[in-house]
């Protein structure tokens, strides 16, 4: 089928994703043994992107979207040299898959400034990414937003599934969220603000499939909030990302 949208380029990207993330697993609560390969997340993101109309370049970028941030070259390299390793990977992606794929992968990556050789604080990184989504001077393209939102939807679905399975009390839910840098409040707040930002992203306007993806993210985040016994209007005002919410969020519900 010559018109089939996925070619050997997609298979090559899958091989690269497998190689770059070999030995990595999805996060689990402290004390538990990780058993789910990280590749499952990359496949899930690519699947969501394709379901919402991704081209082959966009599907490839979905498979590779974490390579610059979490690929083994970054993890195994001294933290102060991560920028150098990231540029090596960026060049490889460009050479093997083209400028557009590299641009999409870069767009889905947190451009992390290092502070004394370490990542900037979690809240600073997340607020920078939220500002990037709504920036009207350097507009994120719809294709980049598609990859990014697919990533966030897959993560939100995974968190919701775990909360429903294991978070049968407030105490167990708090313990579950301890695996994340910002705990329950910061995690819920970030996902609610992501919905707000995607809906207002200039590149998402007039893009029905992308807007449908954001609507699905909203439904998932709402279900997650309900499972945790909180309301969206309260989540927005939580402390971790309050500076962004105060400056940008005008209404009480995104």
C-alpha atoms as a PDB file:
ATOM      1  CA  UNK A   1       0.000   0.000   0.000  1.00  0.00           C
ATOM      2  CA  UNK A   2       2.011   2.935  -1.296  1.00  0.00           C
ATOM      3  CA  UNK A   3      -0.307   5.467   0.323  1.00  0.00           C
ATOM      4  CA  UNK A   4      -0.046   3.954   3.814  1.00  0.00           C
ATOM      5  CA  UNK A   5       0.959   6.860   6.081  1.00  0.00           C
ATOM      6  CA  UNK A   6       3.683   5.049   8.050  1.00  0.00           C
ATOM      7  CA  UNK A   7       6.870   3.993   6.275  1.00  0.00           C
ATOM      8  CA  UNK A   8      10.180   2.462   7.288  1.00  0.00           C
ATOM      9  CA  UNK A   9      11.099   5.851   8.765  1.00  0.00           C
ATOM     10  CA  UNK A  10       8.607   5.161  11.554  1.00  0.00           C
ATOM     11  CA  UNK A  11      10.123   1.720  12.153  1.00  0.00           C
ATOM     12  CA  UNK A  12      13.581   3.276  12.302  1.00  0.00           C
ATOM     13  CA  UNK A  13      12.323   5.820  14.836  1.00  0.00           C
ATOM     14  CA  UNK A  14      10.913   2.976  16.925  1.00  0.00           C
ATOM     15  CA  UNK A  15      14.315   1.282  16.864  1.00  0.00           C
ATOM     16  CA  UNK A  16      15.954   4.535  17.940  1.00  0.00           C
ATOM     17  CA  UNK A  17      13.450   5.028  20.755  1.00  0.00           C
ATOM     18  CA  UNK A  18      14.060   1.469  21.947  1.00  0.00           C
ATOM     19  CA  UNK A  19      17.816   2.010  21.894  1.00  0.00           C
ATOM     20  CA  UNK A  20      17.825   5.446  23.524  1.00  0.00           C
ATOM     21  CA  UNK A  21      15.483   4.436  26.342  1.00  0.00           C
ATOM     22  CA  UNK A  22      16.713   0.886  26.930  1.00  0.00           C
ATOM     23  CA  UNK A  23      16.796   0.091  30.625  1.00  0.00           C
ATOM     24  CA  UNK A  24      14.385   2.880  31.563  1.00  0.00           C
ATOM     25  CA  UNK A  25      11.078   2.243  33.323  1.00  0.00           C
ATOM     26  CA  UNK A  26       7.979   4.209  34.248  1.00  0.00           C
ATOM     27  CA  UNK A  27       7.976   5.826  37.692  1.00  0.00           C
ATOM     28  CA  UNK A  28       6.681   3.799  40.631  1.00  0.00           C
ATOM     29  CA  UNK A  29       6.169   4.668  44.315  1.00  0.00           C
ATOM     30  CA  UNK A  30       9.210   4.458  46.554  1.00  0.00           C
ATOM     31  CA  UNK A  31       9.901   0.902  47.629  1.00  0.00           C
ATOM     32  CA  UNK A  32       8.270  -0.683  44.580  1.00  0.00           C
ATOM     33  CA  UNK A  33      10.124  -2.300  41.693  1.00  0.00           C
ATOM     34  CA  UNK A  34       9.671  -0.677  38.304  1.00  0.00           C
ATOM     35  CA  UNK A  35       8.543  -3.192  35.684  1.00  0.00           C
ATOM     36  CA  UNK A  36       6.847  -1.160  32.923  1.00  0.00           C
ATOM     37  CA  UNK A  37       9.351  -0.237  30.192  1.00  0.00           C
ATOM     38  CA  UNK A  38       9.499   3.469  29.433  1.00  0.00           C
ATOM     39  CA  UNK A  39       8.983   2.573  25.786  1.00  0.00           C
ATOM     40  CA  UNK A  40       5.334   1.882  26.649  1.00  0.00           C
ATOM     41  CA  UNK A  41       4.878   5.609  27.209  1.00  0.00           C
ATOM     42  CA  UNK A  42       6.475   6.523  23.885  1.00  0.00           C
ATOM     43  CA  UNK A  43       4.276   4.030  22.047  1.00  0.00           C
ATOM     44  CA  UNK A  44       1.233   5.380  23.869  1.00  0.00           C
ATOM     45  CA  UNK A  45       2.033   8.963  22.914  1.00  0.00           C
ATOM     46  CA  UNK A  46       2.544   7.995  19.269  1.00  0.00           C
ATOM     47  CA  UNK A  47      -0.752   6.095  19.326  1.00  0.00           C
ATOM     48  CA  UNK A  48      -2.656   9.085  20.701  1.00  0.00           C
ATOM     49  CA  UNK A  49      -1.034  11.430  18.196  1.00  0.00           C
ATOM     50  CA  UNK A  50      -2.026   9.155  15.306  1.00  0.00           C
ATOM     51  CA  UNK A  51      -5.578   8.858  16.634  1.00  0.00           C
ATOM     52  CA  UNK A  52      -5.834  12.646  16.507  1.00  0.00           C
ATOM     53  CA  UNK A  53      -4.524  12.992  12.967  1.00  0.00           C
ATOM     54  CA  UNK A  54      -0.727  12.985  13.223  1.00  0.00           C
ATOM     55  CA  UNK A  55       1.382  12.826  10.088  1.00  0.00           C
ATOM     56  CA  UNK A  56       4.319  10.437   9.959  1.00  0.00           C
ATOM     57  CA  UNK A  57       6.710  13.204  11.016  1.00  0.00           C
ATOM     58  CA  UNK A  58       4.488  13.983  13.983  1.00  0.00           C
ATOM     59  CA  UNK A  59       4.191  10.300  14.927  1.00  0.00           C
ATOM     60  CA  UNK A  60       7.973   9.927  14.732  1.00  0.00           C
ATOM     61  CA  UNK A  61       8.407  13.001  16.916  1.00  0.00           C
ATOM     62  CA  UNK A  62       5.977  11.439  19.396  1.00  0.00           C
ATOM     63  CA  UNK A  63       8.191   8.347  19.606  1.00  0.00           C
ATOM     64  CA  UNK A  64      11.297  10.480  20.100  1.00  0.00           C
ATOM     65  CA  UNK A  65       9.801  13.305  22.148  1.00  0.00           C
ATOM     66  CA  UNK A  66      11.688  12.432  25.345  1.00  0.00           C
ATOM     67  CA  UNK A  67      15.056  11.652  23.772  1.00  0.00           C
ATOM     68  CA  UNK A  68      16.547  15.096  24.398  1.00  0.00           C
ATOM     69  CA  UNK A  69      15.287  15.284  27.963  1.00  0.00           C
ATOM     70  CA  UNK A  70      15.418  11.714  29.243  1.00  0.00           C
ATOM     71  CA  UNK A  71      17.490   9.736  26.758  1.00  0.00           C
ATOM     72  CA  UNK A  72      20.297   7.591  28.187  1.00  0.00           C
ATOM     73  CA  UNK A  73      22.992   9.887  26.817  1.00  0.00           C
ATOM     74  CA  UNK A  74      21.631  12.599  29.108  1.00  0.00           C
ATOM     75  CA  UNK A  75      21.217  10.352  32.134  1.00  0.00           C
ATOM     76  CA  UNK A  76      24.653   8.763  31.830  1.00  0.00           C
ATOM     77  CA  UNK A  77      26.452  12.054  31.255  1.00  0.00           C
ATOM     78  CA  UNK A  78      27.503  14.369  34.054  1.00  0.00           C
ATOM     79  CA  UNK A  79      24.660  16.810  34.640  1.00  0.00           C
ATOM     80  CA  UNK A  80      26.813  19.818  33.792  1.00  0.00           C
ATOM     81  CA  UNK A  81      27.404  18.369  30.285  1.00  0.00           C
ATOM     82  CA  UNK A  82      23.787  17.525  29.481  1.00  0.00           C
ATOM     83  CA  UNK A  83      23.532  20.392  27.032  1.00  0.00           C
ATOM     84  CA  UNK A  84      26.384  18.941  25.012  1.00  0.00           C
ATOM     85  CA  UNK A  85      24.800  15.478  24.915  1.00  0.00           C
ATOM     86  CA  UNK A  86      21.450  17.016  24.004  1.00  0.00           C
ATOM     87  CA  UNK A  87      22.964  18.795  21.011  1.00  0.00           C
ATOM     88  CA  UNK A  88      24.520  15.526  19.811  1.00  0.00           C
ATOM     89  CA  UNK A  89      21.122  13.856  19.909  1.00  0.00           C
ATOM     90  CA  UNK A  90      19.504  16.841  18.241  1.00  0.00           C
ATOM     91  CA  UNK A  91      21.941  16.604  15.332  1.00  0.00           C
ATOM     92  CA  UNK A  92      21.359  12.867  15.019  1.00  0.00           C
ATOM     93  CA  UNK A  93      17.586  13.318  14.904  1.00  0.00           C
ATOM     94  CA  UNK A  94      17.963  16.007  12.258  1.00  0.00           C
ATOM     95  CA  UNK A  95      20.274  13.864  10.129  1.00  0.00           C
ATOM     96  CA  UNK A  96      18.195  10.693  10.336  1.00  0.00           C
ATOM     97  CA  UNK A  97      14.644  12.062  10.348  1.00  0.00           C
ATOM     98  CA  UNK A  98      14.834  15.603   8.989  1.00  0.00           C
ATOM     99  CA  UNK A  99      14.540  19.168  10.208  1.00  0.00           C
ATOM    100  CA  UNK A 100      10.798  18.994  10.890  1.00  0.00           C
ATOM    101  CA  UNK A 101      11.055  16.017  13.243  1.00  0.00           C
ATOM    102  CA  UNK A 102      13.944  17.633  15.110  1.00  0.00           C
ATOM    103  CA  UNK A 103      11.938  20.840  15.416  1.00  0.00           C
ATOM    104  CA  UNK A 104       8.945  18.956  16.820  1.00  0.00           C
ATOM    105  CA  UNK A 105      11.061  17.011  19.306  1.00  0.00           C
ATOM    106  CA  UNK A 106      12.746  20.230  20.421  1.00  0.00           C
ATOM    107  CA  UNK A 107       9.335  21.868  20.785  1.00  0.00           C
ATOM    108  CA  UNK A 108       8.201  19.093  23.128  1.00  0.00           C
ATOM    109  CA  UNK A 109      11.351  19.383  25.243  1.00  0.00           C
ATOM    110  CA  UNK A 110      11.764  21.514  28.329  1.00  0.00           C
ATOM    111  CA  UNK A 111      14.706  23.763  27.543  1.00  0.00           C
ATOM    112  CA  UNK A 112      16.156  23.367  30.996  1.00  0.00           C
ATOM    113  CA  UNK A 113      18.501  26.051  32.199  1.00  0.00           C
ATOM    114  CA  UNK A 114      21.114  24.691  34.559  1.00  0.00           C
ATOM    115  CA  UNK A 115      21.610  26.341  37.932  1.00  0.00           C
ATOM    116  CA  UNK A 116      24.992  25.475  39.422  1.00  0.00           C
ATOM    117  CA  UNK A 117      25.128  22.366  37.243  1.00  0.00           C
ATOM    118  CA  UNK A 118      21.609  21.204  38.105  1.00  0.00           C
ATOM    119  CA  UNK A 119      18.153  21.578  36.636  1.00  0.00           C
ATOM    120  CA  UNK A 120      16.264  24.723  37.527  1.00  0.00           C
ATOM    121  CA  UNK A 121      13.580  24.231  40.213  1.00  0.00           C
ATOM    122  CA  UNK A 122      10.486  22.275  39.133  1.00  0.00           C
ATOM    123  CA  UNK A 123       8.119  25.250  39.381  1.00  0.00           C
ATOM    124  CA  UNK A 124      10.390  27.478  37.289  1.00  0.00           C
ATOM    125  CA  UNK A 125      10.605  24.844  34.557  1.00  0.00           C
ATOM    126  CA  UNK A 126       6.867  24.216  34.440  1.00  0.00           C
ATOM    127  CA  UNK A 127       5.946  27.897  34.423  1.00  0.00           C
ATOM    128  CA  UNK A 128       8.426  28.491  31.603  1.00  0.00           C
ATOM    129  CA  UNK A 129       6.780  25.724  29.586  1.00  0.00           C
ATOM    130  CA  UNK A 130       3.295  27.081  30.225  1.00  0.00           C
ATOM    131  CA  UNK A 131       4.419  30.534  29.106  1.00  0.00           C
ATOM    132  CA  UNK A 132       5.928  28.970  25.998  1.00  0.00           C
ATOM    133  CA  UNK A 133       2.574  27.436  25.067  1.00  0.00           C
ATOM    134  CA  UNK A 134       0.718  30.758  25.148  1.00  0.00           C
ATOM    135  CA  UNK A 135       3.518  32.914  23.713  1.00  0.00           C
ATOM    136  CA  UNK A 136       2.145  35.097  20.921  1.00  0.00           C
ATOM    137  CA  UNK A 137       5.568  36.292  19.753  1.00  0.00           C
ATOM    138  CA  UNK A 138       7.018  32.821  19.119  1.00  0.00           C
ATOM    139  CA  UNK A 139       3.946  30.747  18.328  1.00  0.00           C
ATOM    140  CA  UNK A 140       4.147  26.995  18.893  1.00  0.00           C
ATOM    141  CA  UNK A 141       2.992  25.257  15.708  1.00  0.00           C
ATOM    142  CA  UNK A 142      -0.065  23.016  15.801  1.00  0.00           C
ATOM    143  CA  UNK A 143       2.121  19.990  15.028  1.00  0.00           C
ATOM    144  CA  UNK A 144       4.303  20.678  18.058  1.00  0.00           C
ATOM    145  CA  UNK A 145       1.241  21.173  20.241  1.00  0.00           C
ATOM    146  CA  UNK A 146      -0.178  17.866  18.991  1.00  0.00           C
ATOM    147  CA  UNK A 147       2.923  15.964  20.099  1.00  0.00           C
ATOM    148  CA  UNK A 148       3.079  17.803  23.410  1.00  0.00           C
ATOM    149  CA  UNK A 149      -0.614  17.376  24.248  1.00  0.00           C
ATOM    150  CA  UNK A 150      -0.483  13.680  23.300  1.00  0.00           C
ATOM    151  CA  UNK A 151       2.345  13.265  25.794  1.00  0.00           C
ATOM    152  CA  UNK A 152       0.396  15.011  28.539  1.00  0.00           C
ATOM    153  CA  UNK A 153      -2.765  13.014  27.838  1.00  0.00           C
ATOM    154  CA  UNK A 154      -0.954   9.699  28.071  1.00  0.00           C
ATOM    155  CA  UNK A 155       0.655  10.737  31.350  1.00  0.00           C
ATOM    156  CA  UNK A 156      -2.643  11.989  32.767  1.00  0.00           C
ATOM    157  CA  UNK A 157      -4.405   8.754  31.834  1.00  0.00           C
ATOM    158  CA  UNK A 158      -1.664   6.707  33.505  1.00  0.00           C
ATOM    159  CA  UNK A 159      -1.851   8.786  36.689  1.00  0.00           C
ATOM    160  CA  UNK A 160      -5.648   8.516  36.755  1.00  0.00           C
ATOM    161  CA  UNK A 161      -5.533   4.739  36.307  1.00  0.00           C
ATOM    162  CA  UNK A 162      -3.077   4.380  39.185  1.00  0.00           C
ATOM    163  CA  UNK A 163      -5.041   6.690  41.477  1.00  0.00           C
ATOM    164  CA  UNK A 164      -8.238   4.739  40.816  1.00  0.00           C
ATOM    165  CA  UNK A 165      -6.430   1.451  41.403  1.00  0.00           C
ATOM    166  CA  UNK A 166      -4.348   2.331  44.438  1.00  0.00           C
ATOM    167  CA  UNK A 167      -5.496   5.671  45.868  1.00  0.00           C
ATOM    168  CA  UNK A 168      -8.444   4.471  47.928  1.00  0.00           C
ATOM    169  CA  UNK A 169      -7.785   6.941  50.753  1.00  0.00           C
ATOM    170  CA  UNK A 170      -6.396  10.486  51.041  1.00  0.00           C
ATOM    171  CA  UNK A 171      -3.282   9.087  52.697  1.00  0.00           C
ATOM    172  CA  UNK A 172      -2.629   6.542  49.964  1.00  0.00           C
ATOM    173  CA  UNK A 173      -3.176   9.177  47.277  1.00  0.00           C
ATOM    174  CA  UNK A 174      -0.657  11.517  48.873  1.00  0.00           C
ATOM    175  CA  UNK A 175       1.818   8.646  49.117  1.00  0.00           C
ATOM    176  CA  UNK A 176       1.172   7.771  45.477  1.00  0.00           C
ATOM    177  CA  UNK A 177       1.961  11.319  44.336  1.00  0.00           C
ATOM    178  CA  UNK A 178       5.217  11.357  46.280  1.00  0.00           C
ATOM    179  CA  UNK A 179       6.879   9.838  43.204  1.00  0.00           C
ATOM    180  CA  UNK A 180       6.425  13.195  41.446  1.00  0.00           C
ATOM    181  CA  UNK A 181       8.593  16.220  42.177  1.00  0.00           C
ATOM    182  CA  UNK A 182       5.694  18.478  43.170  1.00  0.00           C
ATOM    183  CA  UNK A 183       3.496  15.944  44.946  1.00  0.00           C
ATOM    184  CA  UNK A 184      -0.272  15.856  44.573  1.00  0.00           C
ATOM    185  CA  UNK A 185      -0.946  19.590  44.623  1.00  0.00           C
ATOM    186  CA  UNK A 186       1.721  20.564  42.116  1.00  0.00           C
ATOM    187  CA  UNK A 187       0.937  17.689  39.762  1.00  0.00           C
ATOM    188  CA  UNK A 188      -2.799  18.369  39.682  1.00  0.00           C
ATOM    189  CA  UNK A 189      -2.238  22.091  39.319  1.00  0.00           C
ATOM    190  CA  UNK A 190       0.202  21.652  36.436  1.00  0.00           C
ATOM    191  CA  UNK A 191      -2.176  19.460  34.451  1.00  0.00           C
ATOM    192  CA  UNK A 192      -5.091  21.831  35.027  1.00  0.00           C
ATOM    193  CA  UNK A 193      -2.965  24.773  33.881  1.00  0.00           C
ATOM    194  CA  UNK A 194      -1.822  22.787  30.847  1.00  0.00           C
ATOM    195  CA  UNK A 195      -5.452  22.454  29.768  1.00  0.00           C
ATOM    196  CA  UNK A 196      -5.870  26.199  30.224  1.00  0.00           C
ATOM    197  CA  UNK A 197      -2.714  26.949  28.218  1.00  0.00           C
ATOM    198  CA  UNK A 198      -3.397  24.524  25.354  1.00  0.00           C
ATOM    199  CA  UNK A 199      -6.841  26.032  24.868  1.00  0.00           C
ATOM    200  CA  UNK A 200      -5.305  29.476  24.542  1.00  0.00           C
ATOM    201  CA  UNK A 201      -2.233  28.513  22.531  1.00  0.00           C
ATOM    202  CA  UNK A 202      -2.241  30.610  19.336  1.00  0.00           C
ATOM    203  CA  UNK A 203      -1.178  27.597  17.274  1.00  0.00           C
ATOM    204  CA  UNK A 204      -4.216  25.595  18.401  1.00  0.00           C
ATOM    205  CA  UNK A 205      -6.805  28.034  17.134  1.00  0.00           C
ATOM    206  CA  UNK A 206      -8.860  26.764  14.202  1.00  0.00           C
ATOM    207  CA  UNK A 207      -7.492  23.213  14.586  1.00  0.00           C
ATOM    208  CA  UNK A 208     -10.482  20.950  15.354  1.00  0.00           C
ATOM    209  CA  UNK A 209      -8.503  17.725  15.828  1.00  0.00           C
ATOM    210  CA  UNK A 210      -6.060  19.414  18.171  1.00  0.00           C
ATOM    211  CA  UNK A 211      -8.892  21.041  20.085  1.00  0.00           C
ATOM    212  CA  UNK A 212     -10.560  17.624  20.384  1.00  0.00           C
ATOM    213  CA  UNK A 213      -7.330  16.275  21.874  1.00  0.00           C
ATOM    214  CA  UNK A 214      -7.244  19.105  24.409  1.00  0.00           C
ATOM    215  CA  UNK A 215     -10.890  18.418  25.260  1.00  0.00           C
ATOM    216  CA  UNK A 216      -9.976  14.793  25.971  1.00  0.00           C
ATOM    217  CA  UNK A 217      -7.111  15.980  28.167  1.00  0.00           C
ATOM    218  CA  UNK A 218      -9.573  18.216  30.016  1.00  0.00           C
ATOM    219  CA  UNK A 219     -11.938  15.287  30.623  1.00  0.00           C
ATOM    220  CA  UNK A 220      -9.085  13.153  31.917  1.00  0.00           C
ATOM    221  CA  UNK A 221      -7.758  15.879  34.210  1.00  0.00           C
ATOM    222  CA  UNK A 222     -11.280  16.513  35.509  1.00  0.00           C
ATOM    223  CA  UNK A 223     -11.669  12.806  36.278  1.00  0.00           C
ATOM    224  CA  UNK A 224      -8.308  12.867  38.050  1.00  0.00           C
ATOM    225  CA  UNK A 225      -9.350  15.844  40.157  1.00  0.00           C
ATOM    226  CA  UNK A 226     -12.600  14.113  41.066  1.00  0.00           C
ATOM    227  CA  UNK A 227     -10.733  10.934  42.000  1.00  0.00           C
ATOM    228  CA  UNK A 228      -8.591  13.043  44.335  1.00  0.00           C
ATOM    229  CA  UNK A 229     -11.612  14.808  45.813  1.00  0.00           C
ATOM    230  CA  UNK A 230     -10.693  18.306  44.627  1.00  0.00           C
ATOM    231  CA  UNK A 231     -12.213  20.937  42.343  1.00  0.00           C
ATOM    232  CA  UNK A 232     -10.572  22.596  39.341  1.00  0.00           C
ATOM    233  CA  UNK A 233     -11.151  26.087  40.705  1.00  0.00           C
ATOM    234  CA  UNK A 234      -9.307  25.150  43.892  1.00  0.00           C
ATOM    235  CA  UNK A 235      -6.504  23.355  42.081  1.00  0.00           C
ATOM    236  CA  UNK A 236      -5.631  26.450  40.055  1.00  0.00           C
ATOM    237  CA  UNK A 237      -4.934  28.401  43.221  1.00  0.00           C
ATOM    238  CA  UNK A 238      -2.512  25.895  44.727  1.00  0.00           C
ATOM    239  CA  UNK A 239       0.853  27.252  45.802  1.00  0.00           C
ATOM    240  CA  UNK A 240       3.451  25.532  43.532  1.00  0.00           C
ATOM    241  CA  UNK A 241       2.496  27.380  40.312  1.00  0.00           C
ATOM    242  CA  UNK A 242       0.493  30.198  41.848  1.00  0.00           C
ATOM    243  CA  UNK A 243       2.674  32.895  40.270  1.00  0.00           C
ATOM    244  CA  UNK A 244       1.696  31.736  36.780  1.00  0.00           C
ATOM    245  CA  UNK A 245      -1.955  31.331  37.710  1.00  0.00           C
ATOM    246  CA  UNK A 246      -2.086  34.786  39.278  1.00  0.00           C
ATOM    247  CA  UNK A 247      -0.489  36.453  36.259  1.00  0.00           C
ATOM    248  CA  UNK A 248      -2.287  34.611  33.466  1.00  0.00           C
ATOM    249  CA  UNK A 249      -5.446  32.804  34.515  1.00  0.00           C
ATOM    250  CA  UNK A 250      -8.326  35.242  34.563  1.00  0.00           C
ATOM    251  CA  UNK A 251     -11.257  32.898  35.075  1.00  0.00           C
ATOM    252  CA  UNK A 252     -11.665  30.381  37.866  1.00  0.00           C
ATOM    253  CA  UNK A 253     -12.103  27.377  35.572  1.00  0.00           C
ATOM    254  CA  UNK A 254     -10.088  26.874  32.375  1.00  0.00           C
END
